[in-house]
Amino acid sequence: MRSILGAAAMLAVLAACGPSEPAAPAAASAEVIAKNSVDLVAYLDAEYEEELQTSPQEMTSQGRKDRYGELDDRSEAAMVQDLEWRRQSVADMKARFKPEEL
Protein backbone atom coordinates (compact mmCIF):
# COMPACT_ATOMS: atom_id res chain seq x y z
CA MET A 1 0.00 0.00 0.00
CA ARG A 2 2.85 2.36 0.88
CA SER A 3 4.54 1.68 -2.43
CA ILE A 4 1.36 2.65 -4.31
CA LEU A 5 1.05 5.92 -2.38
CA GLY A 6 4.75 6.60 -2.85
CA ALA A 7 4.50 5.93 -6.58
CA ALA A 8 1.46 8.20 -6.86
CA ALA A 9 3.28 10.98 -5.01
CA MET A 10 6.33 10.54 -7.24
CA LEU A 11 4.15 10.72 -10.38
CA ALA A 12 2.56 13.93 -9.12
CA VAL A 13 6.00 15.48 -8.54
CA LEU A 14 7.22 14.39 -11.98
CA ALA A 15 4.09 15.74 -13.66
CA ALA A 16 4.63 19.10 -11.99
CA CYS A 17 8.20 19.19 -13.33
CA GLY A 18 7.12 18.55 -16.90
CA PRO A 19 7.34 21.14 -19.64
CA SER A 20 4.85 23.92 -19.18
CA GLU A 21 2.61 25.18 -21.93
CA PRO A 22 3.56 28.52 -23.46
CA ALA A 23 1.95 31.46 -21.74
CA ALA A 24 -1.17 32.80 -23.40
CA PRO A 25 -0.93 36.33 -24.74
CA ALA A 26 -1.95 38.93 -22.20
CA ALA A 27 -5.62 39.80 -22.29
CA ALA A 28 -6.56 43.33 -23.23
CA SER A 29 -7.01 45.67 -20.29
CA ALA A 30 -10.46 46.84 -19.24
CA GLU A 31 -9.69 50.36 -20.50
CA VAL A 32 -8.69 49.09 -23.95
CA ILE A 33 -11.80 46.92 -24.15
CA ALA A 34 -14.06 49.80 -23.10
CA LYS A 35 -12.48 52.20 -25.61
CA ASN A 36 -12.62 49.68 -28.45
CA SER A 37 -16.24 48.85 -27.63
CA VAL A 38 -17.20 52.54 -27.77
CA ASP A 39 -15.27 52.92 -31.04
CA LEU A 40 -17.03 49.87 -32.52
CA VAL A 41 -20.48 51.21 -31.60
CA ALA A 42 -19.63 54.58 -33.19
CA TYR A 43 -18.32 52.81 -36.29
CA LEU A 44 -21.44 50.65 -36.60
CA ASP A 45 -23.71 53.68 -36.10
CA ALA A 46 -21.92 55.54 -38.91
CA GLU A 47 -22.06 52.51 -41.20
CA TYR A 48 -25.76 52.05 -40.49
CA GLU A 49 -26.46 55.70 -41.30
CA GLU A 50 -24.50 55.37 -44.55
CA GLU A 51 -26.47 52.27 -45.48
CA LEU A 52 -29.75 53.92 -44.53
CA GLN A 53 -29.05 56.79 -46.92
CA THR A 54 -29.33 54.32 -49.81
CA SER A 55 -32.91 53.42 -48.84
CA PRO A 56 -35.37 56.31 -48.75
CA GLN A 57 -38.19 53.85 -48.12
CA GLU A 58 -36.51 52.48 -44.99
CA MET A 59 -35.89 56.04 -43.81
CA THR A 60 -39.60 56.78 -44.26
CA SER A 61 -40.58 53.61 -42.39
CA GLN A 62 -38.48 54.85 -39.47
CA GLY A 63 -40.35 58.14 -39.47
CA ARG A 64 -37.62 60.22 -41.07
CA LYS A 65 -38.58 62.79 -43.69
CA ASP A 66 -35.08 63.41 -45.15
CA ARG A 67 -35.85 61.80 -48.50
CA TYR A 68 -39.61 61.58 -48.14
CA GLY A 69 -41.31 60.83 -51.45
CA GLU A 70 -38.36 58.99 -53.02
CA LEU A 71 -38.22 55.28 -53.80
CA ASP A 72 -35.38 52.80 -53.37
CA ASP A 73 -33.27 51.96 -56.41
CA ARG A 74 -34.05 48.29 -56.99
CA SER A 75 -31.96 47.88 -60.12
CA GLU A 76 -29.39 45.12 -60.48
CA ALA A 77 -26.62 47.72 -60.60
CA ALA A 78 -27.78 49.14 -57.26
CA MET A 79 -27.82 45.64 -55.74
CA VAL A 80 -24.27 44.99 -56.96
CA GLN A 81 -23.14 48.35 -55.58
CA ASP A 82 -24.80 47.57 -52.24
CA LEU A 83 -23.10 44.17 -52.08
CA GLU A 84 -19.69 45.73 -52.79
CA TRP A 85 -20.32 48.38 -50.12
CA ARG A 86 -21.18 45.66 -47.59
CA ARG A 87 -18.04 43.67 -48.43
CA GLN A 88 -15.89 46.78 -48.04
CA SER A 89 -17.62 47.66 -44.78
CA VAL A 90 -16.90 44.21 -43.33
CA ALA A 91 -13.28 44.34 -44.51
CA ASP A 92 -12.84 47.78 -42.90
CA MET A 93 -14.37 46.57 -39.64
CA LYS A 94 -12.12 43.49 -39.55
CA ALA A 95 -9.07 45.67 -40.20
CA ARG A 96 -9.96 48.19 -37.48
CA PHE A 97 -11.20 45.94 -34.67
CA LYS A 98 -9.78 42.81 -33.08
CA PRO A 99 -12.42 40.53 -31.50
CA GLU A 100 -10.15 39.71 -28.56
CA GLU A 101 -10.00 43.43 -27.68
CA LEU A 102 -13.77 43.90 -27.50
C-alpha atoms as a PDB file:
ATOM      1  CA  MET A   1       0.000   0.000   0.000  1.00  0.00           C
ATOM      2  CA  ARG A   2       2.850   2.356   0.877  1.00  0.00           C
ATOM      3  CA  SER A   3       4.539   1.682  -2.428  1.00  0.00           C
ATOM      4  CA  ILE A   4       1.360   2.654  -4.314  1.00  0.00           C
ATOM      5  CA  LEU A   5       1.052   5.922  -2.380  1.00  0.00           C
ATOM      6  CA  GLY A   6       4.752   6.600  -2.849  1.00  0.00           C
ATOM      7  CA  ALA A   7       4.496   5.932  -6.579  1.00  0.00           C
ATOM      8  CA  ALA A   8       1.458   8.205  -6.861  1.00  0.00           C
ATOM      9  CA  ALA A   9       3.278  10.981  -5.013  1.00  0.00           C
ATOM     10  CA  MET A  10       6.326  10.543  -7.245  1.00  0.00           C
ATOM     11  CA  LEU A  11       4.149  10.721 -10.380  1.00  0.00           C
ATOM     12  CA  ALA A  12       2.562  13.935  -9.116  1.00  0.00           C
ATOM     13  CA  VAL A  13       6.002  15.476  -8.545  1.00  0.00           C
ATOM     14  CA  LEU A  14       7.222  14.387 -11.978  1.00  0.00           C
ATOM     15  CA  ALA A  15       4.086  15.737 -13.660  1.00  0.00           C
ATOM     16  CA  ALA A  16       4.632  19.098 -11.986  1.00  0.00           C
ATOM     17  CA  CYS A  17       8.196  19.192 -13.325  1.00  0.00           C
ATOM     18  CA  GLY A  18       7.117  18.548 -16.902  1.00  0.00           C
ATOM     19  CA  PRO A  19       7.336  21.136 -19.644  1.00  0.00           C
ATOM     20  CA  SER A  20       4.852  23.915 -19.176  1.00  0.00           C
ATOM     21  CA  GLU A  21       2.607  25.178 -21.930  1.00  0.00           C
ATOM     22  CA  PRO A  22       3.556  28.519 -23.459  1.00  0.00           C
ATOM     23  CA  ALA A  23       1.947  31.455 -21.739  1.00  0.00           C
ATOM     24  CA  ALA A  24      -1.168  32.797 -23.402  1.00  0.00           C
ATOM     25  CA  PRO A  25      -0.931  36.330 -24.742  1.00  0.00           C
ATOM     26  CA  ALA A  26      -1.948  38.925 -22.205  1.00  0.00           C
ATOM     27  CA  ALA A  27      -5.616  39.798 -22.291  1.00  0.00           C
ATOM     28  CA  ALA A  28      -6.565  43.330 -23.228  1.00  0.00           C
ATOM     29  CA  SER A  29      -7.012  45.669 -20.293  1.00  0.00           C
ATOM     30  CA  ALA A  30     -10.457  46.839 -19.235  1.00  0.00           C
ATOM     31  CA  GLU A  31      -9.690  50.360 -20.498  1.00  0.00           C
ATOM     32  CA  VAL A  32      -8.693  49.085 -23.946  1.00  0.00           C
ATOM     33  CA  ILE A  33     -11.801  46.915 -24.147  1.00  0.00           C
ATOM     34  CA  ALA A  34     -14.059  49.803 -23.098  1.00  0.00           C
ATOM     35  CA  LYS A  35     -12.478  52.205 -25.609  1.00  0.00           C
ATOM     36  CA  ASN A  36     -12.625  49.678 -28.445  1.00  0.00           C
ATOM     37  CA  SER A  37     -16.241  48.852 -27.633  1.00  0.00           C
ATOM     38  CA  VAL A  38     -17.201  52.537 -27.771  1.00  0.00           C
ATOM     39  CA  ASP A  39     -15.269  52.916 -31.041  1.00  0.00           C
ATOM     40  CA  LEU A  40     -17.031  49.868 -32.516  1.00  0.00           C
ATOM     41  CA  VAL A  41     -20.477  51.207 -31.603  1.00  0.00           C
ATOM     42  CA  ALA A  42     -19.631  54.580 -33.186  1.00  0.00           C
ATOM     43  CA  TYR A  43     -18.320  52.809 -36.290  1.00  0.00           C
ATOM     44  CA  LEU A  44     -21.444  50.653 -36.604  1.00  0.00           C
ATOM     45  CA  ASP A  45     -23.712  53.683 -36.098  1.00  0.00           C
ATOM     46  CA  ALA A  46     -21.919  55.538 -38.912  1.00  0.00           C
ATOM     47  CA  GLU A  47     -22.060  52.511 -41.203  1.00  0.00           C
ATOM     48  CA  TYR A  48     -25.763  52.045 -40.494  1.00  0.00           C
ATOM     49  CA  GLU A  49     -26.465  55.696 -41.304  1.00  0.00           C
ATOM     50  CA  GLU A  50     -24.504  55.374 -44.553  1.00  0.00           C
ATOM     51  CA  GLU A  51     -26.472  52.266 -45.484  1.00  0.00           C
ATOM     52  CA  LEU A  52     -29.747  53.919 -44.525  1.00  0.00           C
ATOM     53  CA  GLN A  53     -29.045  56.792 -46.923  1.00  0.00           C
ATOM     54  CA  THR A  54     -29.329  54.319 -49.807  1.00  0.00           C
ATOM     55  CA  SER A  55     -32.905  53.423 -48.841  1.00  0.00           C
ATOM     56  CA  PRO A  56     -35.374  56.313 -48.751  1.00  0.00           C
ATOM     57  CA  GLN A  57     -38.194  53.849 -48.117  1.00  0.00           C
ATOM     58  CA  GLU A  58     -36.507  52.485 -44.990  1.00  0.00           C
ATOM     59  CA  MET A  59     -35.889  56.041 -43.808  1.00  0.00           C
ATOM     60  CA  THR A  60     -39.597  56.784 -44.259  1.00  0.00           C
ATOM     61  CA  SER A  61     -40.585  53.609 -42.391  1.00  0.00           C
ATOM     62  CA  GLN A  62     -38.479  54.845 -39.466  1.00  0.00           C
ATOM     63  CA  GLY A  63     -40.348  58.145 -39.471  1.00  0.00           C
ATOM     64  CA  ARG A  64     -37.620  60.221 -41.071  1.00  0.00           C
ATOM     65  CA  LYS A  65     -38.578  62.785 -43.687  1.00  0.00           C
ATOM     66  CA  ASP A  66     -35.084  63.413 -45.147  1.00  0.00           C
ATOM     67  CA  ARG A  67     -35.850  61.800 -48.502  1.00  0.00           C
ATOM     68  CA  TYR A  68     -39.609  61.577 -48.144  1.00  0.00           C
ATOM     69  CA  GLY A  69     -41.312  60.828 -51.451  1.00  0.00           C
ATOM     70  CA  GLU A  70     -38.357  58.994 -53.016  1.00  0.00           C
ATOM     71  CA  LEU A  71     -38.222  55.285 -53.803  1.00  0.00           C
ATOM     72  CA  ASP A  72     -35.381  52.802 -53.371  1.00  0.00           C
ATOM     73  CA  ASP A  73     -33.272  51.961 -56.414  1.00  0.00           C
ATOM     74  CA  ARG A  74     -34.047  48.291 -56.989  1.00  0.00           C
ATOM     75  CA  SER A  75     -31.956  47.878 -60.125  1.00  0.00           C
ATOM     76  CA  GLU A  76     -29.393  45.123 -60.480  1.00  0.00           C
ATOM     77  CA  ALA A  77     -26.624  47.719 -60.604  1.00  0.00           C
ATOM     78  CA  ALA A  78     -27.778  49.137 -57.258  1.00  0.00           C
ATOM     79  CA  MET A  79     -27.816  45.638 -55.743  1.00  0.00           C
ATOM     80  CA  VAL A  80     -24.267  44.986 -56.961  1.00  0.00           C
ATOM     81  CA  GLN A  81     -23.145  48.353 -55.579  1.00  0.00           C
ATOM     82  CA  ASP A  82     -24.804  47.574 -52.237  1.00  0.00           C
ATOM     83  CA  LEU A  83     -23.099  44.174 -52.075  1.00  0.00           C
ATOM     84  CA  GLU A  84     -19.693  45.732 -52.786  1.00  0.00           C
ATOM     85  CA  TRP A  85     -20.316  48.379 -50.120  1.00  0.00           C
ATOM     86  CA  ARG A  86     -21.178  45.659 -47.595  1.00  0.00           C
ATOM     87  CA  ARG A  87     -18.044  43.673 -48.428  1.00  0.00           C
ATOM     88  CA  GLN A  88     -15.894  46.784 -48.044  1.00  0.00           C
ATOM     89  CA  SER A  89     -17.624  47.658 -44.780  1.00  0.00           C
ATOM     90  CA  VAL A  90     -16.903  44.209 -43.333  1.00  0.00           C
ATOM     91  CA  ALA A  91     -13.278  44.341 -44.513  1.00  0.00           C
ATOM     92  CA  ASP A  92     -12.840  47.776 -42.904  1.00  0.00           C
ATOM     93  CA  MET A  93     -14.368  46.566 -39.643  1.00  0.00           C
ATOM     94  CA  LYS A  94     -12.117  43.488 -39.554  1.00  0.00           C
ATOM     95  CA  ALA A  95      -9.067  45.675 -40.197  1.00  0.00           C
ATOM     96  CA  ARG A  96      -9.960  48.190 -37.478  1.00  0.00           C
ATOM     97  CA  PHE A  97     -11.203  45.945 -34.675  1.00  0.00           C
ATOM     98  CA  LYS A  98      -9.782  42.812 -33.084  1.00  0.00           C
ATOM     99  CA  PRO A  99     -12.416  40.531 -31.497  1.00  0.00           C
ATOM    100  CA  GLU A 100     -10.147  39.707 -28.561  1.00  0.00           C
ATOM    101  CA  GLU A 101     -10.005  43.427 -27.679  1.00  0.00           C
ATOM    102  CA  LEU A 102     -13.767  43.902 -27.497  1.00  0.00           C
END
